[in-house]
Amino acid sequence: MLAYYLIAPSFNALLITGLILLFIIILLVKHYKSISHLGYYQKIMLLTSLSIAVGSHGLMHLGVEKQYNFNPYTWI
């Protein structure tokens, strides 16, 4: 069943952006002290970039759920 989803390009994009977001969260936690010393404008730009990444990942979830009837919560 999972092999069927891995063929779909939208599912691959969802998987890749999910892995990138996980990597970003790990980097944010690892370099928290450096990030806390950033200027006000740099923090706003960082949060804006993160919100765009999370939003686009969420929209990909919506598309994959609609197109392929894919709900990852059914795996739990």
Protein backbone atom coordinates (compact mmCIF):
# COMPACT_ATOMS: atom_id res chain seq x y z
CA MET A 1 0.00 0.00 0.00
CA LEU A 2 2.80 2.42 0.83
CA ALA A 3 4.45 1.70 -2.54
CA TYR A 4 1.31 3.07 -4.24
CA TYR A 5 1.72 6.39 -2.44
CA LEU A 6 5.46 6.66 -3.12
CA ILE A 7 4.79 6.67 -6.86
CA ALA A 8 2.71 9.86 -6.58
CA PRO A 9 4.78 13.05 -7.03
CA SER A 10 2.62 15.00 -4.57
CA PHE A 11 3.24 12.39 -1.89
CA ASN A 12 6.98 12.55 -2.57
CA ALA A 13 6.88 16.35 -2.24
CA LEU A 14 4.98 15.97 1.04
CA LEU A 15 7.53 13.49 2.34
CA ILE A 16 10.49 15.66 1.34
CA THR A 17 9.06 18.83 2.88
CA GLY A 18 8.26 16.91 6.05
CA LEU A 19 11.85 15.73 6.31
CA ILE A 20 13.15 19.24 5.64
CA LEU A 21 10.90 20.68 8.34
CA LEU A 22 12.13 18.03 10.78
CA PHE A 23 15.72 18.95 9.93
CA ILE A 24 14.93 22.66 10.44
CA ILE A 25 13.39 21.97 13.87
CA ILE A 26 16.47 19.98 14.89
CA LEU A 27 18.71 22.87 13.78
CA LEU A 28 16.58 25.41 15.65
CA VAL A 29 16.80 23.41 18.86
CA LYS A 30 20.51 22.76 18.44
CA HIS A 31 21.35 26.43 17.74
CA TYR A 32 18.80 28.06 20.05
CA LYS A 33 21.39 30.24 21.79
CA SER A 34 22.59 31.71 18.47
CA ILE A 35 19.03 32.30 17.31
CA SER A 36 18.09 34.06 20.54
CA HIS A 37 20.84 36.63 19.86
CA LEU A 38 19.49 37.53 16.42
CA GLY A 39 18.10 40.96 15.82
CA TYR A 40 14.38 41.74 15.83
CA TYR A 41 14.13 41.93 12.03
CA GLN A 42 16.06 38.67 11.55
CA LYS A 43 13.77 36.86 13.98
CA ILE A 44 10.71 38.10 12.09
CA MET A 45 12.20 36.92 8.79
CA LEU A 46 13.02 33.51 10.31
CA LEU A 47 9.50 33.08 11.68
CA THR A 48 7.97 34.23 8.40
CA SER A 49 10.03 31.69 6.47
CA LEU A 50 9.06 28.95 8.91
CA SER A 51 5.36 29.82 8.66
CA ILE A 52 5.53 29.68 4.85
CA ALA A 53 7.21 26.27 5.02
CA VAL A 54 4.67 24.86 7.48
CA GLY A 55 1.76 26.37 5.54
CA SER A 56 2.88 24.89 2.23
CA HIS A 57 3.40 21.52 3.91
CA GLY A 58 -0.14 21.72 5.27
CA LEU A 59 -1.54 22.54 1.85
CA MET A 60 0.29 19.52 0.45
CA HIS A 61 -1.40 17.40 3.11
CA LEU A 62 -4.76 18.73 1.98
CA GLY A 63 -4.02 17.91 -1.66
CA VAL A 64 -2.75 14.41 -0.93
CA GLU A 65 -5.72 13.67 1.34
CA LYS A 66 -8.16 14.78 -1.34
CA GLN A 67 -6.45 13.18 -4.34
CA TYR A 68 -5.36 9.85 -2.84
CA ASN A 69 -7.64 9.58 0.21
CA PHE A 70 -4.48 9.54 2.32
CA ASN A 71 -4.88 10.12 6.04
CA PRO A 72 -1.66 9.55 8.04
CA TYR A 73 -3.61 9.43 11.32
CA THR A 74 -5.05 6.07 10.30
CA TRP A 75 -1.53 4.62 10.68
CA ILE A 76 -1.58 5.28 14.44
